[in-house]
């Protein structure tokens, strides 16, 4: 009986934790393609109104879960390095219950989420590319270097 009680308590606490975490209702993307001018700064506050691409991601819940898991394993960098005047992407995450969250990508080099800034490496770019339309137009991934392709070797 004691084991059953412990199992029941463990199951109920896991269910309660899952029930308390807000569920993603949808994720909307505003983005500028690579062909747009990068000389004209777009402020993080203005991108939602001005960015031409406005798409609702088909698998928003999966996108947010995978992104959060990946960011949890990465070290953040100083927020002062965020180029808020040169934002190219804005993901608006809408949760059930009415809360929202914005995720910004500035000039393809940094990602700002929940007040923490991360370097946008190829691993993060590959994840983002898997969920955005026309990924080659929006976010390039650098080819891995090897000795055969490096000049002078």
N, C-alpha and C. Protein backbone atom coordinates (compact mmCIF):
# COMPACT_ATOMS: atom_id res chain seq x y z
N UNK A 1 0.82 -1.19 0.00
CA UNK A 1 0.00 0.00 0.00
C UNK A 1 0.86 1.26 0.00
N UNK A 2 1.98 1.19 0.71
CA UNK A 2 2.87 2.33 0.80
C UNK A 2 3.47 2.64 -0.57
N UNK A 3 3.86 1.59 -1.33
CA UNK A 3 4.43 1.79 -2.66
C UNK A 3 3.41 2.40 -3.60
N UNK A 4 2.16 1.93 -3.50
CA UNK A 4 1.10 2.48 -4.34
C UNK A 4 0.90 3.97 -4.07
N UNK A 5 0.95 4.36 -2.81
CA UNK A 5 0.78 5.76 -2.44
C UNK A 5 1.91 6.62 -3.02
N UNK A 6 3.15 6.09 -2.94
CA UNK A 6 4.28 6.83 -3.49
C UNK A 6 4.17 6.99 -5.00
N UNK A 7 3.75 5.94 -5.69
CA UNK A 7 3.58 6.00 -7.15
C UNK A 7 2.48 6.98 -7.50
N UNK A 8 1.39 6.94 -6.76
CA UNK A 8 0.27 7.85 -7.00
C UNK A 8 0.69 9.30 -6.80
N UNK A 9 1.43 9.57 -5.75
CA UNK A 9 1.91 10.93 -5.48
C UNK A 9 2.85 11.39 -6.59
N UNK A 10 3.75 10.53 -7.04
CA UNK A 10 4.68 10.87 -8.12
C UNK A 10 3.93 11.18 -9.41
N UNK A 11 2.93 10.37 -9.74
CA UNK A 11 2.15 10.59 -10.96
C UNK A 11 1.36 11.89 -10.87
N UNK A 12 0.75 12.15 -9.72
CA UNK A 12 -0.03 13.37 -9.56
C UNK A 12 0.85 14.61 -9.61
N UNK A 13 2.04 14.55 -9.03
CA UNK A 13 2.91 15.73 -9.08
C UNK A 13 3.43 15.96 -10.49
N UNK A 14 3.72 14.91 -11.24
CA UNK A 14 4.15 15.07 -12.64
C UNK A 14 3.01 15.63 -13.48
N UNK A 15 1.79 15.15 -13.26
CA UNK A 15 0.63 15.66 -13.99
C UNK A 15 0.39 17.13 -13.64
N UNK A 16 0.52 17.46 -12.36
CA UNK A 16 0.31 18.84 -11.90
C UNK A 16 1.33 19.78 -12.52
N UNK A 17 2.58 19.35 -12.60
CA UNK A 17 3.63 20.19 -13.19
C UNK A 17 3.34 20.42 -14.66
N UNK A 18 2.89 19.36 -15.37
CA UNK A 18 2.56 19.51 -16.78
C UNK A 18 1.34 20.40 -16.97
N UNK A 19 0.38 20.28 -16.10
CA UNK A 19 -0.84 21.06 -16.20
C UNK A 19 -0.58 22.54 -15.93
N UNK A 20 0.41 22.84 -15.07
CA UNK A 20 0.71 24.23 -14.75
C UNK A 20 1.51 24.91 -15.84
N UNK A 21 2.31 24.18 -16.60
CA UNK A 21 3.09 24.78 -17.67
C UNK A 21 2.13 25.24 -18.77
N UNK A 22 2.24 26.50 -19.18
CA UNK A 22 1.32 26.98 -20.20
C UNK A 22 1.55 26.28 -21.54
N UNK A 23 0.47 25.94 -22.20
CA UNK A 23 0.56 25.27 -23.50
C UNK A 23 0.60 26.30 -24.61
N UNK A 24 1.39 26.04 -25.62
CA UNK A 24 1.51 26.94 -26.76
C UNK A 24 0.25 26.83 -27.61
N UNK A 25 -0.38 27.95 -27.86
CA UNK A 25 -1.55 27.98 -28.73
C UNK A 25 -1.11 28.14 -30.18
N UNK A 26 -0.17 29.07 -30.43
CA UNK A 26 0.35 29.26 -31.78
C UNK A 26 1.65 30.05 -31.72
N UNK A 27 2.42 29.97 -32.80
CA UNK A 27 3.65 30.74 -32.94
C UNK A 27 3.58 31.43 -34.29
N UNK A 28 3.75 32.74 -34.27
CA UNK A 28 3.68 33.55 -35.49
C UNK A 28 5.06 34.14 -35.76
N UNK A 29 5.46 34.11 -37.01
CA UNK A 29 6.79 34.59 -37.42
C UNK A 29 6.67 35.84 -38.27
N UNK A 30 7.46 36.84 -37.93
CA UNK A 30 7.67 38.02 -38.78
C UNK A 30 9.16 38.01 -39.13
N UNK A 31 9.49 38.11 -40.41
CA UNK A 31 10.90 38.01 -40.80
C UNK A 31 11.19 38.81 -42.06
N UNK A 32 12.44 39.24 -42.16
CA UNK A 32 12.94 39.88 -43.38
C UNK A 32 13.83 38.89 -44.11
N UNK A 33 13.67 38.76 -45.42
CA UNK A 33 14.56 37.86 -46.17
C UNK A 33 15.97 38.42 -46.25
N UNK A 34 16.92 37.57 -46.59
CA UNK A 34 18.31 37.98 -46.69
C UNK A 34 18.50 39.07 -47.74
N UNK A 35 17.65 39.09 -48.75
CA UNK A 35 17.80 40.07 -49.82
C UNK A 35 17.40 41.47 -49.39
N UNK A 36 16.73 41.61 -48.26
CA UNK A 36 16.35 42.94 -47.80
C UNK A 36 17.59 43.67 -47.29
N UNK A 37 17.52 44.97 -47.30
CA UNK A 37 18.67 45.77 -46.91
C UNK A 37 18.99 45.56 -45.44
N UNK A 38 20.24 45.26 -45.15
CA UNK A 38 20.66 45.15 -43.75
C UNK A 38 21.25 46.47 -43.27
N UNK A 39 21.33 47.47 -44.15
CA UNK A 39 21.87 48.77 -43.75
C UNK A 39 20.82 49.59 -42.99
N UNK A 40 19.56 49.31 -43.24
CA UNK A 40 18.49 50.02 -42.56
C UNK A 40 18.10 49.22 -41.33
N UNK A 41 18.30 49.80 -40.18
CA UNK A 41 17.99 49.09 -38.95
C UNK A 41 16.50 48.96 -38.73
N UNK A 42 16.08 47.81 -38.24
CA UNK A 42 14.68 47.58 -37.87
C UNK A 42 14.68 47.30 -36.37
N UNK A 43 13.98 48.15 -35.62
CA UNK A 43 13.96 48.02 -34.18
C UNK A 43 13.11 46.83 -33.77
N UNK A 44 13.48 46.21 -32.65
CA UNK A 44 12.75 45.04 -32.17
C UNK A 44 11.29 45.36 -31.89
N UNK A 45 10.98 46.61 -31.59
CA UNK A 45 9.59 47.00 -31.34
C UNK A 45 8.80 47.17 -32.63
N UNK A 46 9.49 47.45 -33.74
CA UNK A 46 8.82 47.74 -35.01
C UNK A 46 8.68 46.55 -35.94
N UNK A 47 9.41 45.48 -35.71
CA UNK A 47 9.42 44.39 -36.69
C UNK A 47 8.06 43.75 -36.85
N UNK A 48 7.27 43.69 -35.81
CA UNK A 48 5.96 43.05 -35.91
C UNK A 48 5.07 43.79 -36.91
N UNK A 49 5.18 45.10 -36.97
CA UNK A 49 4.35 45.87 -37.89
C UNK A 49 4.95 45.96 -39.29
N UNK A 50 6.27 45.86 -39.42
CA UNK A 50 6.89 46.14 -40.70
C UNK A 50 7.42 44.94 -41.47
N UNK A 51 7.70 43.84 -40.80
CA UNK A 51 8.30 42.69 -41.50
C UNK A 51 7.29 42.06 -42.46
N UNK A 52 7.71 41.78 -43.68
CA UNK A 52 6.78 41.29 -44.70
C UNK A 52 6.27 39.87 -44.51
N UNK A 53 7.03 38.98 -43.92
CA UNK A 53 6.59 37.60 -43.78
C UNK A 53 5.86 37.43 -42.47
N UNK A 54 4.62 37.02 -42.56
CA UNK A 54 3.84 36.78 -41.35
C UNK A 54 3.20 35.40 -41.51
N UNK A 55 3.79 34.41 -40.85
CA UNK A 55 3.39 33.02 -41.01
C UNK A 55 3.13 32.43 -39.63
N UNK A 56 2.10 31.61 -39.51
CA UNK A 56 1.87 30.85 -38.30
C UNK A 56 2.54 29.49 -38.48
N UNK A 57 3.45 29.15 -37.58
CA UNK A 57 4.16 27.88 -37.69
C UNK A 57 3.21 26.72 -37.47
N UNK A 58 3.35 25.67 -38.28
CA UNK A 58 2.45 24.53 -38.21
C UNK A 58 2.63 23.72 -36.93
N UNK A 59 3.84 23.64 -36.43
CA UNK A 59 4.11 22.84 -35.22
C UNK A 59 4.69 23.74 -34.13
N UNK A 60 3.93 24.74 -33.73
CA UNK A 60 4.40 25.72 -32.75
C UNK A 60 4.80 25.11 -31.43
N UNK A 61 4.02 24.17 -30.93
CA UNK A 61 4.31 23.53 -29.64
C UNK A 61 5.66 22.80 -29.71
N UNK A 62 5.89 22.08 -30.79
CA UNK A 62 7.15 21.33 -30.96
C UNK A 62 8.32 22.30 -31.09
N UNK A 63 8.13 23.36 -31.86
CA UNK A 63 9.18 24.37 -32.05
C UNK A 63 9.62 24.96 -30.71
N UNK A 64 8.67 25.41 -29.91
CA UNK A 64 9.00 26.05 -28.63
C UNK A 64 9.67 25.06 -27.69
N UNK A 65 9.16 23.84 -27.63
CA UNK A 65 9.76 22.83 -26.75
C UNK A 65 11.20 22.54 -27.15
N UNK A 66 11.44 22.31 -28.44
CA UNK A 66 12.80 22.00 -28.90
C UNK A 66 13.74 23.18 -28.71
N UNK A 67 13.26 24.40 -28.99
CA UNK A 67 14.09 25.58 -28.81
C UNK A 67 14.46 25.76 -27.34
N UNK A 68 13.49 25.64 -26.44
CA UNK A 68 13.75 25.80 -25.01
C UNK A 68 14.73 24.74 -24.50
N UNK A 69 14.59 23.50 -24.98
CA UNK A 69 15.53 22.44 -24.58
C UNK A 69 16.94 22.76 -25.05
N UNK A 70 17.06 23.25 -26.29
CA UNK A 70 18.37 23.57 -26.83
C UNK A 70 19.00 24.76 -26.08
N UNK A 71 18.19 25.78 -25.81
CA UNK A 71 18.72 26.96 -25.11
C UNK A 71 19.13 26.63 -23.68
N UNK A 72 18.42 25.70 -23.04
CA UNK A 72 18.76 25.32 -21.67
C UNK A 72 20.15 24.70 -21.58
N UNK A 73 20.62 24.11 -22.68
CA UNK A 73 21.93 23.47 -22.70
C UNK A 73 23.05 24.43 -23.11
N UNK A 74 22.70 25.67 -23.47
CA UNK A 74 23.69 26.63 -23.96
C UNK A 74 23.94 27.72 -22.92
N UNK A 75 25.13 28.28 -22.98
CA UNK A 75 25.46 29.42 -22.13
C UNK A 75 24.97 30.69 -22.80
N UNK A 76 24.47 31.60 -21.99
CA UNK A 76 24.04 32.89 -22.54
C UNK A 76 25.24 33.82 -22.60
N UNK A 77 25.09 34.88 -23.38
CA UNK A 77 26.14 35.89 -23.51
C UNK A 77 25.56 37.21 -22.98
N UNK A 78 26.40 38.22 -22.75
CA UNK A 78 25.88 39.48 -22.20
C UNK A 78 24.81 40.10 -23.10
N UNK A 79 23.70 40.50 -22.48
CA UNK A 79 22.56 41.05 -23.21
C UNK A 79 22.95 42.33 -23.93
N UNK A 80 23.96 43.03 -23.47
CA UNK A 80 24.41 44.26 -24.12
C UNK A 80 24.90 44.05 -25.54
N UNK A 81 25.15 42.82 -25.93
CA UNK A 81 25.61 42.53 -27.30
C UNK A 81 24.45 42.37 -28.28
N UNK A 82 23.22 42.49 -27.79
CA UNK A 82 22.04 42.37 -28.65
C UNK A 82 21.89 43.62 -29.50
N UNK A 83 21.78 43.45 -30.81
CA UNK A 83 21.63 44.56 -31.74
C UNK A 83 20.15 44.82 -31.97
N UNK A 84 19.52 45.47 -30.99
CA UNK A 84 18.06 45.64 -31.05
C UNK A 84 17.61 46.49 -32.23
N UNK A 85 18.51 47.23 -32.85
CA UNK A 85 18.15 48.04 -34.01
C UNK A 85 18.25 47.25 -35.32
N UNK A 86 18.70 46.01 -35.28
CA UNK A 86 18.87 45.22 -36.50
C UNK A 86 18.24 43.84 -36.34
N UNK A 87 16.98 43.82 -35.94
CA UNK A 87 16.27 42.56 -35.76
C UNK A 87 15.75 42.08 -37.11
N UNK A 88 15.97 40.80 -37.42
CA UNK A 88 15.54 40.23 -38.70
C UNK A 88 14.37 39.26 -38.53
N UNK A 89 14.23 38.67 -37.34
CA UNK A 89 13.16 37.70 -37.04
C UNK A 89 12.49 38.08 -35.73
N UNK A 90 11.20 37.83 -35.66
CA UNK A 90 10.47 37.89 -34.39
C UNK A 90 9.48 36.74 -34.39
N UNK A 91 9.62 35.84 -33.42
CA UNK A 91 8.66 34.78 -33.21
C UNK A 91 7.76 35.24 -32.06
N UNK A 92 6.48 35.34 -32.29
CA UNK A 92 5.52 35.64 -31.23
C UNK A 92 4.90 34.33 -30.79
N UNK A 93 5.09 33.97 -29.55
CA UNK A 93 4.54 32.73 -29.00
C UNK A 93 3.30 33.11 -28.20
N UNK A 94 2.17 32.54 -28.58
CA UNK A 94 0.90 32.78 -27.88
C UNK A 94 0.55 31.52 -27.09
N UNK A 95 0.38 31.69 -25.78
CA UNK A 95 0.05 30.57 -24.90
C UNK A 95 -1.44 30.57 -24.59
N UNK A 96 -1.96 29.39 -24.27
CA UNK A 96 -3.33 29.32 -23.79
C UNK A 96 -3.38 30.07 -22.47
N UNK A 97 -4.42 30.83 -22.28
CA UNK A 97 -4.52 31.65 -21.09
C UNK A 97 -4.18 33.10 -21.37
N UNK A 98 -3.69 33.38 -22.59
CA UNK A 98 -3.49 34.76 -22.99
C UNK A 98 -2.10 35.34 -22.86
N UNK A 99 -1.14 34.61 -22.28
CA UNK A 99 0.20 35.17 -22.18
C UNK A 99 0.93 35.03 -23.51
N UNK A 100 1.89 35.91 -23.72
CA UNK A 100 2.68 35.89 -24.95
C UNK A 100 4.16 35.99 -24.62
N UNK A 101 4.96 35.68 -25.60
CA UNK A 101 6.42 35.75 -25.47
C UNK A 101 6.99 36.07 -26.83
N UNK A 102 7.99 36.90 -26.87
CA UNK A 102 8.66 37.23 -28.13
C UNK A 102 10.07 36.67 -28.11
N UNK A 103 10.48 36.12 -29.25
CA UNK A 103 11.84 35.62 -29.44
C UNK A 103 12.40 36.38 -30.63
N UNK A 104 13.55 37.03 -30.45
CA UNK A 104 14.13 37.87 -31.50
C UNK A 104 15.44 37.27 -32.00
N UNK A 105 15.69 37.43 -33.31
CA UNK A 105 16.97 37.10 -33.91
C UNK A 105 17.48 38.36 -34.57
N UNK A 106 18.66 38.82 -34.16
CA UNK A 106 19.25 40.05 -34.69
C UNK A 106 20.38 39.71 -35.65
N UNK A 107 20.24 40.15 -36.88
CA UNK A 107 21.24 39.99 -37.95
C UNK A 107 21.83 38.59 -38.03
N UNK A 108 21.04 37.59 -37.74
CA UNK A 108 21.50 36.21 -37.88
C UNK A 108 22.66 35.85 -36.98
N UNK A 109 22.91 36.64 -35.91
CA UNK A 109 24.05 36.34 -35.05
C UNK A 109 23.69 36.09 -33.60
N UNK A 110 22.57 36.64 -33.13
CA UNK A 110 22.16 36.43 -31.74
C UNK A 110 20.68 36.15 -31.66
N UNK A 111 20.28 35.47 -30.59
CA UNK A 111 18.88 35.15 -30.34
C UNK A 111 18.54 35.58 -28.92
N UNK A 112 17.49 36.38 -28.77
CA UNK A 112 17.06 36.87 -27.47
C UNK A 112 15.75 36.19 -27.10
N UNK A 113 15.74 35.52 -25.95
CA UNK A 113 14.55 34.83 -25.47
C UNK A 113 14.51 34.91 -23.96
N UNK A 114 13.37 35.33 -23.41
CA UNK A 114 13.17 35.42 -21.96
C UNK A 114 14.27 36.23 -21.28
N UNK A 115 14.69 37.31 -21.90
CA UNK A 115 15.68 38.20 -21.30
C UNK A 115 17.10 37.69 -21.32
N UNK A 116 17.34 36.58 -22.00
CA UNK A 116 18.70 36.02 -22.11
C UNK A 116 19.11 36.00 -23.57
N UNK A 117 20.36 36.30 -23.81
CA UNK A 117 20.89 36.38 -25.17
C UNK A 117 21.81 35.19 -25.43
N UNK A 118 21.68 34.62 -26.64
CA UNK A 118 22.48 33.46 -27.03
C UNK A 118 23.12 33.73 -28.38
N UNK A 119 24.32 33.18 -28.57
CA UNK A 119 24.97 33.25 -29.88
C UNK A 119 24.23 32.28 -30.79
N UNK A 120 23.89 32.74 -31.98
CA UNK A 120 23.14 31.92 -32.93
C UNK A 120 24.13 31.07 -33.72
N UNK A 121 24.39 29.88 -33.22
CA UNK A 121 25.33 28.97 -33.88
C UNK A 121 24.58 28.14 -34.93
N UNK A 122 25.33 27.31 -35.64
CA UNK A 122 24.71 26.50 -36.70
C UNK A 122 23.66 25.54 -36.15
N UNK A 123 23.84 25.05 -34.94
CA UNK A 123 22.86 24.14 -34.35
C UNK A 123 21.50 24.85 -34.17
N UNK A 124 21.53 26.07 -33.65
CA UNK A 124 20.29 26.84 -33.50
C UNK A 124 19.71 27.23 -34.85
N UNK A 125 20.58 27.61 -35.80
CA UNK A 125 20.10 27.96 -37.14
C UNK A 125 19.41 26.78 -37.80
N UNK A 126 19.97 25.59 -37.64
CA UNK A 126 19.37 24.40 -38.24
C UNK A 126 17.99 24.15 -37.64
N UNK A 127 17.85 24.34 -36.33
CA UNK A 127 16.54 24.18 -35.70
C UNK A 127 15.54 25.21 -36.24
N UNK A 128 15.94 26.47 -36.31
CA UNK A 128 15.04 27.51 -36.82
C UNK A 128 14.65 27.23 -38.27
N UNK A 129 15.62 26.83 -39.09
CA UNK A 129 15.36 26.54 -40.51
C UNK A 129 14.34 25.42 -40.69
N UNK A 130 14.31 24.49 -39.75
CA UNK A 130 13.37 23.36 -39.86
C UNK A 130 11.92 23.82 -39.71
N UNK A 131 11.70 24.99 -39.13
CA UNK A 131 10.34 25.44 -38.87
C UNK A 131 9.91 26.66 -39.66
N UNK A 132 10.81 27.29 -40.41
CA UNK A 132 10.43 28.49 -41.15
C UNK A 132 10.24 28.17 -42.63
N UNK A 133 9.35 28.91 -43.30
CA UNK A 133 9.17 28.70 -44.74
C UNK A 133 10.37 29.28 -45.50
N UNK A 134 10.71 28.68 -46.60
CA UNK A 134 11.81 29.13 -47.47
C UNK A 134 13.08 29.42 -46.67
N UNK A 135 13.61 28.44 -45.97
CA UNK A 135 14.74 28.71 -45.08
C UNK A 135 15.98 29.26 -45.79
N UNK A 136 16.21 28.91 -47.06
CA UNK A 136 17.38 29.41 -47.76
C UNK A 136 17.30 30.91 -48.01
N UNK A 137 16.10 31.46 -48.05
CA UNK A 137 15.94 32.90 -48.26
C UNK A 137 16.11 33.68 -46.97
N UNK A 138 15.99 33.02 -45.83
CA UNK A 138 15.94 33.74 -44.57
C UNK A 138 17.11 33.52 -43.64
N UNK A 139 17.65 32.32 -43.58
CA UNK A 139 18.67 32.05 -42.58
C UNK A 139 19.67 31.02 -43.11
N UNK A 140 20.81 31.48 -43.61
CA UNK A 140 21.79 30.52 -44.13
C UNK A 140 22.52 29.80 -43.01
N UNK A 141 22.95 28.61 -43.30
CA UNK A 141 23.79 27.85 -42.38
C UNK A 141 25.14 27.71 -43.05
N UNK A 142 26.19 28.05 -42.31
CA UNK A 142 27.54 27.94 -42.88
C UNK A 142 27.91 26.48 -43.08
N UNK A 143 28.52 26.21 -44.21
CA UNK A 143 28.99 24.85 -44.48
C UNK A 143 30.12 24.53 -43.51
N UNK A 144 30.17 23.31 -43.00
CA UNK A 144 31.27 22.97 -42.09
C UNK A 144 32.60 23.01 -42.83
N UNK A 145 33.61 23.53 -42.16
CA UNK A 145 34.93 23.61 -42.79
C UNK A 145 35.66 22.29 -42.62
N UNK A 146 36.38 21.94 -43.65
CA UNK A 146 37.29 20.80 -43.49
C UNK A 146 38.60 21.18 -44.19
N UNK A 147 39.62 20.41 -43.96
CA UNK A 147 40.94 20.77 -44.46
C UNK A 147 40.99 20.79 -45.97
N UNK A 148 40.19 20.00 -46.64
CA UNK A 148 40.24 19.95 -48.10
C UNK A 148 39.70 21.23 -48.74
N UNK A 149 38.80 21.93 -48.05
CA UNK A 149 38.21 23.12 -48.65
C UNK A 149 38.88 24.41 -48.18
N UNK A 150 39.78 24.35 -47.20
CA UNK A 150 40.44 25.55 -46.73
C UNK A 150 41.63 25.87 -47.62
N UNK A 151 41.72 27.12 -48.09
CA UNK A 151 42.84 27.47 -48.95
C UNK A 151 44.18 27.42 -48.16
N UNK A 152 45.21 27.07 -48.88
CA UNK A 152 46.54 27.06 -48.28
C UNK A 152 46.89 25.79 -47.52
N UNK A 153 46.04 24.79 -47.61
CA UNK A 153 46.34 23.54 -46.89
C UNK A 153 46.50 22.41 -47.85
